[in-house]
Amino acid sequence: MNIPQMMKQAQEMQERLKQQMAGLRVEATAGGGMVTVVVNGVKQIQSITIDPAVVSKDDVEMLQDLIVAALNDAGRKVDGQLGQSMSGLLGGLKIPGL
């Protein structure tokens, strides 16, 4: 077992995964498309689109809830993509906690 070689391979895999995730764009919606968010693979918000029909000073709470729901959905989608990418890099090897 060549530990230095394994460490080098792990670092290379990590770098490939970082590049892949940075280029990933995930879109999620809430309220039947009233709120749409786009995040990248490291969960940075790229854009938020709000249907003007939902913008009402009388129902700000609903709009806030829709934004939170869309962001949470986007985060779950990024996590799912990360899991798939990790599985592909590891050749299907199951590692507890990943």
PDB file of N, CA and C in Angstrom:
ATOM      1  N   MET A   1       0.847  -1.177   0.000  1.00  0.00           N
ATOM      2  CA  MET A   1       0.000   0.000   0.000  1.00  0.00           C
ATOM      3  C   MET A   1       0.894   1.242   0.000  1.00  0.00           C
ATOM      4  N   ASN A   2       0.751   2.039  -1.021  1.00  0.00           N
ATOM      5  CA  ASN A   2       1.580   3.227  -1.198  1.00  0.00           C
ATOM      6  C   ASN A   2       0.794   4.455  -0.733  1.00  0.00           C
ATOM      7  N   ILE A   3       0.988   4.845   0.516  1.00  0.00           N
ATOM      8  CA  ILE A   3       0.232   5.945   1.120  1.00  0.00           C
ATOM      9  C   ILE A   3       0.450   7.268   0.391  1.00  0.00           C
ATOM     10  N   PRO A   4       1.685   7.671   0.064  1.00  0.00           N
ATOM     11  CA  PRO A   4       1.861   8.945  -0.655  1.00  0.00           C
ATOM     12  C   PRO A   4       1.115   8.971  -2.001  1.00  0.00           C
ATOM     13  N   GLN A   5       1.126   7.857  -2.712  1.00  0.00           N
ATOM     14  CA  GLN A   5       0.414   7.789  -3.998  1.00  0.00           C
ATOM     15  C   GLN A   5      -1.096   7.909  -3.784  1.00  0.00           C
ATOM     16  N   MET A   6      -1.606   7.253  -2.740  1.00  0.00           N
ATOM     17  CA  MET A   6      -3.037   7.338  -2.437  1.00  0.00           C
ATOM     18  C   MET A   6      -3.432   8.771  -2.069  1.00  0.00           C
ATOM     19  N   MET A   7      -2.587   9.446  -1.315  1.00  0.00           N
ATOM     20  CA  MET A   7      -2.864  10.828  -0.926  1.00  0.00           C
ATOM     21  C   MET A   7      -2.886  11.742  -2.157  1.00  0.00           C
ATOM     22  N   LYS A   8      -1.951  11.509  -3.071  1.00  0.00           N
ATOM     23  CA  LYS A   8      -1.901  12.303  -4.294  1.00  0.00           C
ATOM     24  C   LYS A   8      -3.171  12.093  -5.118  1.00  0.00           C
ATOM     25  N   GLN A   9      -3.605  10.837  -5.244  1.00  0.00           N
ATOM     26  CA  GLN A   9      -4.820  10.533  -5.994  1.00  0.00           C
ATOM     27  C   GLN A   9      -6.038  11.178  -5.338  1.00  0.00           C
ATOM     28  N   ALA A  10      -6.090  11.144  -4.011  1.00  0.00           N
ATOM     29  CA  ALA A  10      -7.211  11.757  -3.292  1.00  0.00           C
ATOM     30  C   ALA A  10      -7.246  13.262  -3.534  1.00  0.00           C
ATOM     31  N   GLN A  11      -6.089  13.910  -3.523  1.00  0.00           N
ATOM     32  CA  GLN A  11      -6.033  15.349  -3.774  1.00  0.00           C
ATOM     33  C   GLN A  11      -6.468  15.671  -5.199  1.00  0.00           C
ATOM     34  N   GLU A  12      -6.059  14.841  -6.148  1.00  0.00           N
ATOM     35  CA  GLU A  12      -6.460  15.060  -7.538  1.00  0.00           C
ATOM     36  C   GLU A  12      -7.971  14.905  -7.694  1.00  0.00           C
ATOM     37  N   MET A  13      -8.536  13.906  -7.043  1.00  0.00           N
ATOM     38  CA  MET A  13      -9.981  13.696  -7.094  1.00  0.00           C
ATOM     39  C   MET A  13     -10.715  14.876  -6.466  1.00  0.00           C
ATOM     40  N   GLN A  14     -10.198  15.371  -5.355  1.00  0.00           N
ATOM     41  CA  GLN A  14     -10.820  16.504  -4.679  1.00  0.00           C
ATOM     42  C   GLN A  14     -10.799  17.744  -5.580  1.00  0.00           C
ATOM     43  N   GLU A  15      -9.706  17.976  -6.252  1.00  0.00           N
ATOM     44  CA  GLU A  15      -9.594  19.132  -7.142  1.00  0.00           C
ATOM     45  C   GLU A  15     -10.565  19.012  -8.323  1.00  0.00           C
ATOM     46  N   ARG A  16     -10.664  17.818  -8.900  1.00  0.00           N
ATOM     47  CA  ARG A  16     -11.614  17.609 -10.000  1.00  0.00           C
ATOM     48  C   ARG A  16     -13.042  17.857  -9.534  1.00  0.00           C
ATOM     49  N   LEU A  17     -13.354  17.382  -8.337  1.00  0.00           N
ATOM     50  CA  LEU A  17     -14.700  17.567  -7.803  1.00  0.00           C
ATOM     51  C   LEU A  17     -14.983  19.043  -7.557  1.00  0.00           C
ATOM     52  N   LYS A  18     -14.031  19.787  -7.016  1.00  0.00           N
ATOM     53  CA  LYS A  18     -14.213  21.226  -6.785  1.00  0.00           C
ATOM     54  C   LYS A  18     -14.508  21.943  -8.097  1.00  0.00           C
ATOM     55  N   GLN A  19     -13.752  21.622  -9.138  1.00  0.00           N
ATOM     56  CA  GLN A  19     -13.960  22.264 -10.436  1.00  0.00           C
ATOM     57  C   GLN A  19     -15.329  21.912 -11.002  1.00  0.00           C
ATOM     58  N   GLN A  20     -15.694  20.663 -10.868  1.00  0.00           N
ATOM     59  CA  GLN A  20     -16.981  20.214 -11.381  1.00  0.00           C
ATOM     60  C   GLN A  20     -18.130  20.903 -10.638  1.00  0.00           C
ATOM     61  N   MET A  21     -18.043  20.986  -9.327  1.00  0.00           N
ATOM     62  CA  MET A  21     -19.113  21.588  -8.548  1.00  0.00           C
ATOM     63  C   MET A  21     -19.193  23.106  -8.767  1.00  0.00           C
ATOM     64  N   ALA A  22     -18.059  23.757  -8.946  1.00  0.00           N
ATOM     65  CA  ALA A  22     -18.062  25.205  -9.189  1.00  0.00           C
ATOM     66  C   ALA A  22     -18.781  25.534 -10.492  1.00  0.00           C
ATOM     67  N   GLY A  23     -18.704  24.639 -11.462  1.00  0.00           N
ATOM     68  CA  GLY A  23     -19.354  24.863 -12.749  1.00  0.00           C
ATOM     69  C   GLY A  23     -20.812  24.440 -12.786  1.00  0.00           C
ATOM     70  N   LEU A  24     -21.266  23.763 -11.749  1.00  0.00           N
ATOM     71  CA  LEU A  24     -22.638  23.269 -11.697  1.00  0.00           C
ATOM     72  C   LEU A  24     -23.617  24.416 -11.456  1.00  0.00           C
ATOM     73  N   ARG A  25     -24.753  24.389 -12.127  1.00  0.00           N
ATOM     74  CA  ARG A  25     -25.830  25.349 -11.892  1.00  0.00           C
ATOM     75  C   ARG A  25     -27.099  24.547 -11.629  1.00  0.00           C
ATOM     76  N   VAL A  26     -27.765  24.848 -10.522  1.00  0.00           N
ATOM     77  CA  VAL A  26     -28.987  24.144 -10.148  1.00  0.00           C
ATOM     78  C   VAL A  26     -30.105  25.168 -10.015  1.00  0.00           C
ATOM     79  N   GLU A  27     -31.252  24.854 -10.594  1.00  0.00           N
ATOM     80  CA  GLU A  27     -32.421  25.725 -10.507  1.00  0.00           C
ATOM     81  C   GLU A  27     -33.487  25.035  -9.677  1.00  0.00           C
ATOM     82  N   ALA A  28     -34.111  25.789  -8.790  1.00  0.00           N
ATOM     83  CA  ALA A  28     -35.196  25.251  -7.975  1.00  0.00           C
ATOM     84  C   ALA A  28     -36.305  26.294  -7.908  1.00  0.00           C
ATOM     85  N   THR A  29     -37.539  25.812  -7.757  1.00  0.00           N
ATOM     86  CA  THR A  29     -38.683  26.717  -7.710  1.00  0.00           C
ATOM     87  C   THR A  29     -39.544  26.417  -6.491  1.00  0.00           C
ATOM     88  N   ALA A  30     -40.398  27.365  -6.167  1.00  0.00           N
ATOM     89  CA  ALA A  30     -41.394  27.187  -5.112  1.00  0.00           C
ATOM     90  C   ALA A  30     -42.659  27.917  -5.544  1.00  0.00           C
ATOM     91  N   GLY A  31     -43.769  27.484  -4.968  1.00  0.00           N
ATOM     92  CA  GLY A  31     -45.042  28.135  -5.290  1.00  0.00           C
ATOM     93  C   GLY A  31     -45.445  27.958  -6.731  1.00  0.00           C
ATOM     94  N   GLY A  32     -45.142  26.792  -7.295  1.00  0.00           N
ATOM     95  CA  GLY A  32     -45.520  26.544  -8.681  1.00  0.00           C
ATOM     96  C   GLY A  32     -44.798  27.436  -9.670  1.00  0.00           C
ATOM     97  N   GLY A  33     -43.571  27.817  -9.324  1.00  0.00           N
ATOM     98  CA  GLY A  33     -42.775  28.641 -10.214  1.00  0.00           C
ATOM     99  C   GLY A  33     -42.832  30.126  -9.898  1.00  0.00           C
ATOM    100  N   MET A  34     -43.506  30.479  -8.808  1.00  0.00           N
ATOM    101  CA  MET A  34     -43.589  31.900  -8.449  1.00  0.00           C
ATOM    102  C   MET A  34     -42.227  32.457  -8.027  1.00  0.00           C
ATOM    103  N   VAL A  35     -41.417  31.600  -7.418  1.00  0.00           N
ATOM    104  CA  VAL A  35     -40.065  31.987  -7.031  1.00  0.00           C
ATOM    105  C   VAL A  35     -39.106  30.956  -7.616  1.00  0.00           C
ATOM    106  N   THR A  36     -38.091  31.425  -8.313  1.00  0.00           N
ATOM    107  CA  THR A  36     -37.073  30.555  -8.896  1.00  0.00           C
ATOM    108  C   THR A  36     -35.711  31.039  -8.434  1.00  0.00           C
ATOM    109  N   VAL A  37     -34.893  30.101  -7.964  1.00  0.00           N
ATOM    110  CA  VAL A  37     -33.528  30.445  -7.571  1.00  0.00           C
ATOM    111  C   VAL A  37     -32.560  29.581  -8.365  1.00  0.00           C
ATOM    112  N   VAL A  38     -31.399  30.142  -8.644  1.00  0.00           N
ATOM    113  CA  VAL A  38     -30.312  29.411  -9.285  1.00  0.00           C
ATOM    114  C   VAL A  38     -29.110  29.522  -8.356  1.00  0.00           C
ATOM    115  N   VAL A  39     -28.536  28.365  -8.024  1.00  0.00           N
ATOM    116  CA  VAL A  39     -27.337  28.335  -7.188  1.00  0.00           C
ATOM    117  C   VAL A  39     -26.270  27.529  -7.908  1.00  0.00           C
ATOM    118  N   ASN A  40     -25.016  27.776  -7.530  1.00  0.00           N
ATOM    119  CA  ASN A  40     -23.947  26.968  -8.110  1.00  0.00           C
ATOM    120  C   ASN A  40     -23.666  25.775  -7.204  1.00  0.00           C
ATOM    121  N   GLY A  41     -22.699  24.985  -7.564  1.00  0.00           N
ATOM    122  CA  GLY A  41     -22.402  23.756  -6.845  1.00  0.00           C
ATOM    123  C   GLY A  41     -21.823  23.944  -5.460  1.00  0.00           C
ATOM    124  N   VAL A  42     -21.455  25.164  -5.117  1.00  0.00           N
ATOM    125  CA  VAL A  42     -20.978  25.434  -3.767  1.00  0.00           C
ATOM    126  C   VAL A  42     -22.013  26.269  -3.007  1.00  0.00           C
ATOM    127  N   LYS A  43     -23.261  26.207  -3.498  1.00  0.00           N
ATOM    128  CA  LYS A  43     -24.439  26.799  -2.873  1.00  0.00           C
ATOM    129  C   LYS A  43     -24.400  28.318  -2.781  1.00  0.00           C
ATOM    130  N   GLN A  44     -23.710  28.950  -3.719  1.00  0.00           N
ATOM    131  CA  GLN A  44     -23.761  30.405  -3.811  1.00  0.00           C
ATOM    132  C   GLN A  44     -24.925  30.777  -4.711  1.00  0.00           C
ATOM    133  N   ILE A  45     -25.744  31.712  -4.268  1.00  0.00           N
ATOM    134  CA  ILE A  45     -26.917  32.124  -5.032  1.00  0.00           C
ATOM    135  C   ILE A  45     -26.455  32.911  -6.254  1.00  0.00           C
ATOM    136  N   GLN A  46     -26.904  32.474  -7.409  1.00  0.00           N
ATOM    137  CA  GLN A  46     -26.572  33.143  -8.663  1.00  0.00           C
ATOM    138  C   GLN A  46     -27.679  34.115  -9.072  1.00  0.00           C
ATOM    139  N   SER A  47     -28.939  33.706  -8.846  1.00  0.00           N
ATOM    140  CA  SER A  47     -30.046  34.603  -9.183  1.00  0.00           C
ATOM    141  C   SER A  47     -31.311  34.176  -8.456  1.00  0.00           C
ATOM    142  N   ILE A  48     -32.199  35.138  -8.277  1.00  0.00           N
ATOM    143  CA  ILE A  48     -33.534  34.893  -7.736  1.00  0.00           C
ATOM    144  C   ILE A  48     -34.513  35.626  -8.645  1.00  0.00           C
ATOM    145  N   THR A  49     -35.535  34.899  -9.104  1.00  0.00           N
ATOM    146  CA  THR A  49     -36.571  35.491  -9.939  1.00  0.00           C
ATOM    147  C   THR A  49     -37.900  35.357  -9.209  1.00  0.00           C
ATOM    148  N   ILE A  50     -38.609  36.464  -9.092  1.00  0.00           N
ATOM    149  CA  ILE A  50     -39.886  36.471  -8.379  1.00  0.00           C
ATOM    150  C   ILE A  50     -40.976  36.940  -9.332  1.00  0.00           C
ATOM    151  N   ASP A  51     -42.010  36.131  -9.458  1.00  0.00           N
ATOM    152  CA  ASP A  51     -43.154  36.495 -10.286  1.00  0.00           C
ATOM    153  C   ASP A  51     -43.812  37.735  -9.668  1.00  0.00           C
ATOM    154  N   PRO A  52     -44.008  38.792 -10.445  1.00  0.00           N
ATOM    155  CA  PRO A  52     -44.609  40.017  -9.898  1.00  0.00           C
ATOM    156  C   PRO A  52     -45.971  39.787  -9.237  1.00  0.00           C
ATOM    157  N   ALA A  53     -46.672  38.744  -9.633  1.00  0.00           N
ATOM    158  CA  ALA A  53     -47.991  38.474  -9.051  1.00  0.00           C
ATOM    159  C   ALA A  53     -47.895  38.135  -7.560  1.00  0.00           C
ATOM    160  N   VAL A  54     -46.722  37.705  -7.089  1.00  0.00           N
ATOM    161  CA  VAL A  54     -46.571  37.332  -5.676  1.00  0.00           C
ATOM    162  C   VAL A  54     -46.139  38.507  -4.819  1.00  0.00           C
ATOM    163  N   VAL A  55     -45.748  39.582  -5.450  1.00  0.00           N
ATOM    164  CA  VAL A  55     -45.245  40.723  -4.692  1.00  0.00           C
ATOM    165  C   VAL A  55     -46.437  41.551  -4.202  1.00  0.00           C
ATOM    166  N   SER A  56     -46.698  41.434  -2.919  1.00  0.00           N
ATOM    167  CA  SER A  56     -47.796  42.170  -2.310  1.00  0.00           C
ATOM    168  C   SER A  56     -47.377  42.601  -0.920  1.00  0.00           C
ATOM    169  N   LYS A  57     -47.520  43.868  -0.635  1.00  0.00           N
ATOM    170  CA  LYS A  57     -47.133  44.342   0.697  1.00  0.00           C
ATOM    171  C   LYS A  57     -48.017  43.730   1.779  1.00  0.00           C
ATOM    172  N   ASP A  58     -49.156  43.184   1.374  1.00  0.00           N
ATOM    173  CA  ASP A  58     -50.065  42.573   2.339  1.00  0.00           C
ATOM    174  C   ASP A  58     -49.708  41.131   2.659  1.00  0.00           C
ATOM    175  N   ASP A  59     -48.810  40.537   1.872  1.00  0.00           N
ATOM    176  CA  ASP A  59     -48.468  39.131   2.117  1.00  0.00           C
ATOM    177  C   ASP A  59     -46.973  38.895   1.957  1.00  0.00           C
ATOM    178  N   VAL A  60     -46.187  39.677   2.625  1.00  0.00           N
ATOM    179  CA  VAL A  60     -44.728  39.552   2.576  1.00  0.00           C
ATOM    180  C   VAL A  60     -44.294  38.208   3.138  1.00  0.00           C
ATOM    181  N   GLU A  61     -44.984  37.732   4.157  1.00  0.00           N
ATOM    182  CA  GLU A  61     -44.607  36.466   4.795  1.00  0.00           C
ATOM    183  C   GLU A  61     -44.657  35.301   3.800  1.00  0.00           C
ATOM    184  N   MET A  62     -45.672  35.270   2.950  1.00  0.00           N
ATOM    185  CA  MET A  62     -45.754  34.194   1.958  1.00  0.00           C
ATOM    186  C   MET A  62     -44.560  34.246   1.000  1.00  0.00           C
ATOM    187  N   LEU A  63     -44.210  35.436   0.556  1.00  0.00           N
ATOM    188  CA  LEU A  63     -43.073  35.596  -0.346  1.00  0.00           C
ATOM    189  C   LEU A  63     -41.792  35.135   0.325  1.00  0.00           C
ATOM    190  N   GLN A  64     -41.613  35.501   1.571  1.00  0.00           N
ATOM    191  CA  GLN A  64     -40.427  35.062   2.311  1.00  0.00           C
ATOM    192  C   GLN A  64     -40.393  33.540   2.413  1.00  0.00           C
ATOM    193  N   ASP A  65     -41.523  32.931   2.698  1.00  0.00           N
ATOM    194  CA  ASP A  65     -41.592  31.466   2.794  1.00  0.00           C
ATOM    195  C   ASP A  65     -41.255  30.800   1.461  1.00  0.00           C
ATOM    196  N   LEU A  66     -41.729  31.383   0.360  1.00  0.00           N
ATOM    197  CA  LEU A  66     -41.438  30.828  -0.962  1.00  0.00           C
ATOM    198  C   LEU A  66     -39.944  30.911  -1.280  1.00  0.00           C
ATOM    199  N   ILE A  67     -39.321  32.018  -0.924  1.00  0.00           N
ATOM    200  CA  ILE A  67     -37.880  32.171  -1.168  1.00  0.00           C
ATOM    201  C   ILE A  67     -37.099  31.142  -0.362  1.00  0.00           C
ATOM    202  N   VAL A  68     -37.453  30.989   0.906  1.00  0.00           N
ATOM    203  CA  VAL A  68     -36.772  30.000   1.755  1.00  0.00           C
ATOM    204  C   VAL A  68     -36.963  28.595   1.192  1.00  0.00           C
ATOM    205  N   ALA A  69     -38.176  28.267   0.774  1.00  0.00           N
ATOM    206  CA  ALA A  69     -38.449  26.933   0.232  1.00  0.00           C
ATOM    207  C   ALA A  69     -37.636  26.666  -1.031  1.00  0.00           C
ATOM    208  N   ALA A  70     -37.558  27.664  -1.915  1.00  0.00           N
ATOM    209  CA  ALA A  70     -36.794  27.490  -3.153  1.00  0.00           C
ATOM    210  C   ALA A  70     -35.306  27.328  -2.852  1.00  0.00           C
ATOM    211  N   LEU A  71     -34.780  28.116  -1.920  1.00  0.00           N
ATOM    212  CA  LEU A  71     -33.359  27.997  -1.558  1.00  0.00           C
ATOM    213  C   LEU A  71     -33.061  26.644  -0.919  1.00  0.00           C
ATOM    214  N   ASN A  72     -33.946  26.179  -0.056  1.00  0.00           N
ATOM    215  CA  ASN A  72     -33.737  24.870   0.561  1.00  0.00           C
ATOM    216  C   ASN A  72     -33.776  23.753  -0.478  1.00  0.00           C
ATOM    217  N   ASP A  73     -34.685  23.865  -1.430  1.00  0.00           N
ATOM    218  CA  ASP A  73     -34.775  22.869  -2.496  1.00  0.00           C
ATOM    219  C   ASP A  73     -33.497  22.877  -3.339  1.00  0.00           C
ATOM    220  N   ALA A  74     -32.999  24.057  -3.636  1.00  0.00           N
ATOM    221  CA  ALA A  74     -31.753  24.152  -4.411  1.00  0.00           C
ATOM    222  C   ALA A  74     -30.596  23.515  -3.648  1.00  0.00           C
ATOM    223  N   GLY A  75     -30.525  23.749  -2.345  1.00  0.00           N
ATOM    224  CA  GLY A  75     -29.472  23.136  -1.532  1.00  0.00           C
ATOM    225  C   GLY A  75     -29.540  21.622  -1.566  1.00  0.00           C
ATOM    226  N   ARG A  76     -30.753  21.077  -1.489  1.00  0.00           N
ATOM    227  CA  ARG A  76     -30.910  19.614  -1.564  1.00  0.00           C
ATOM    228  C   ARG A  76     -30.466  19.085  -2.927  1.00  0.00           C
ATOM    229  N   LYS A  77     -30.781  19.827  -3.984  1.00  0.00           N
ATOM    230  CA  LYS A  77     -30.382  19.398  -5.326  1.00  0.00           C
ATOM    231  C   LYS A  77     -28.858  19.411  -5.479  1.00  0.00           C
ATOM    232  N   VAL A  78     -28.208  20.425  -4.930  1.00  0.00           N
ATOM    233  CA  VAL A  78     -26.742  20.480  -4.984  1.00  0.00           C
ATOM    234  C   VAL A  78     -26.160  19.294  -4.212  1.00  0.00           C
ATOM    235  N   ASP A  79     -26.715  19.018  -3.031  1.00  0.00           N
ATOM    236  CA  ASP A  79     -26.234  17.877  -2.247  1.00  0.00           C
ATOM    237  C   ASP A  79     -26.390  16.569  -3.024  1.00  0.00           C
ATOM    238  N   GLY A  80     -27.513  16.433  -3.728  1.00  0.00           N
ATOM    239  CA  GLY A  80     -27.730  15.232  -4.539  1.00  0.00           C
ATOM    240  C   GLY A  80     -26.706  15.118  -5.661  1.00  0.00           C
ATOM    241  N   GLN A  81     -26.429  16.223  -6.316  1.00  0.00           N
ATOM    242  CA  GLN A  81     -25.422  16.219  -7.387  1.00  0.00           C
ATOM    243  C   GLN A  81     -24.038  15.900  -6.834  1.00  0.00           C
ATOM    244  N   LEU A  82     -23.734  16.451  -5.664  1.00  0.00           N
ATOM    245  CA  LEU A  82     -22.447  16.175  -5.026  1.00  0.00           C
ATOM    246  C   LEU A  82     -22.326  14.691  -4.714  1.00  0.00           C
ATOM    247  N   GLY A  83     -23.382  14.107  -4.190  1.00  0.00           N
ATOM    248  CA  GLY A  83     -23.369  12.675  -3.894  1.00  0.00           C
ATOM    249  C   GLY A  83     -23.149  11.843  -5.149  1.00  0.00           C
ATOM    250  N   GLN A  84     -23.812  12.220  -6.234  1.00  0.00           N
ATOM    251  CA  GLN A  84     -23.633  11.495  -7.490  1.00  0.00           C
ATOM    252  C   GLN A  84     -22.209  11.648  -8.007  1.00  0.00           C
ATOM    253  N   SER A  85     -21.672  12.856  -7.915  1.00  0.00           N
ATOM    254  CA  SER A  85     -20.305  13.095  -8.388  1.00  0.00           C
ATOM    255  C   SER A  85     -19.295  12.313  -7.567  1.00  0.00           C
ATOM    256  N   MET A  86     -19.497  12.302  -6.261  1.00  0.00           N
ATOM    257  CA  MET A  86     -18.582  11.562  -5.382  1.00  0.00           C
ATOM    258  C   MET A  86     -18.647  10.070  -5.698  1.00  0.00           C
ATOM    259  N   SER A  87     -19.851   9.570  -5.916  1.00  0.00           N
ATOM    260  CA  SER A  87     -20.016   8.158  -6.238  1.00  0.00           C
ATOM    261  C   SER A  87     -19.315   7.818  -7.533  1.00  0.00           C
ATOM    262  N   GLY A  88     -19.417   8.710  -8.518  1.00  0.00           N
ATOM    263  CA  GLY A  88     -18.733   8.487  -9.799  1.00  0.00           C
ATOM    264  C   GLY A  88     -17.231   8.512  -9.660  1.00  0.00           C
ATOM    265  N   LEU A  89     -16.713   9.437  -8.853  1.00  0.00           N
ATOM    266  CA  LEU A  89     -15.267   9.521  -8.663  1.00  0.00           C
ATOM    267  C   LEU A  89     -14.721   8.314  -7.918  1.00  0.00           C
ATOM    268  N   LEU A  90     -15.532   7.783  -7.008  1.00  0.00           N
ATOM    269  CA  LEU A  90     -15.078   6.664  -6.193  1.00  0.00           C
ATOM    270  C   LEU A  90     -15.426   5.316  -6.828  1.00  0.00           C
ATOM    271  N   GLY A  91     -15.968   5.344  -8.022  1.00  0.00           N
ATOM    272  CA  GLY A  91     -16.278   4.111  -8.716  1.00  0.00           C
ATOM    273  C   GLY A  91     -17.348   3.295  -8.022  1.00  0.00           C
ATOM    274  N   GLY A  92     -18.299   3.958  -7.353  1.00  0.00           N
ATOM    275  CA  GLY A  92     -19.381   3.252  -6.694  1.00  0.00           C
ATOM    276  C   GLY A  92     -19.032   2.776  -5.288  1.00  0.00           C
ATOM    277  N   LEU A  93     -17.830   3.016  -4.835  1.00  0.00           N
ATOM    278  CA  LEU A  93     -17.406   2.617  -3.491  1.00  0.00           C
ATOM    279  C   LEU A  93     -18.237   3.377  -2.462  1.00  0.00           C
ATOM    280  N   LYS A  94     -18.823   2.663  -1.514  1.00  0.00           N
ATOM    281  CA  LYS A  94     -19.630   3.290  -0.483  1.00  0.00           C
ATOM    282  C   LYS A  94     -18.762   3.630   0.723  1.00  0.00           C
ATOM    283  N   ILE A  95     -18.750   4.915   1.083  1.00  0.00           N
ATOM    284  CA  ILE A  95     -18.009   5.369   2.252  1.00  0.00           C
ATOM    285  C   ILE A  95     -19.010   5.931   3.240  1.00  0.00           C
ATOM    286  N   PRO A  96     -19.047   5.423   4.462  1.00  0.00           N
ATOM    287  CA  PRO A  96     -20.013   5.916   5.446  1.00  0.00           C
ATOM    288  C   PRO A  96     -19.894   7.433   5.614  1.00  0.00           C
ATOM    289  N   GLY A  97     -21.049   8.102   5.665  1.00  0.00           N
ATOM    290  CA  GLY A  97     -21.068   9.532   5.872  1.00  0.00           C
ATOM    291  C   GLY A  97     -21.062  10.355   4.601  1.00  0.00           C
ATOM    292  N   LEU A  98     -20.851   9.736   3.441  1.00  0.00           N
ATOM    293  CA  LEU A  98     -20.853  10.471   2.173  1.00  0.00           C
ATOM    294  C   LEU A  98     -22.095  10.136   1.380  1.00  0.00           C
TER     295      LEU A  98
END
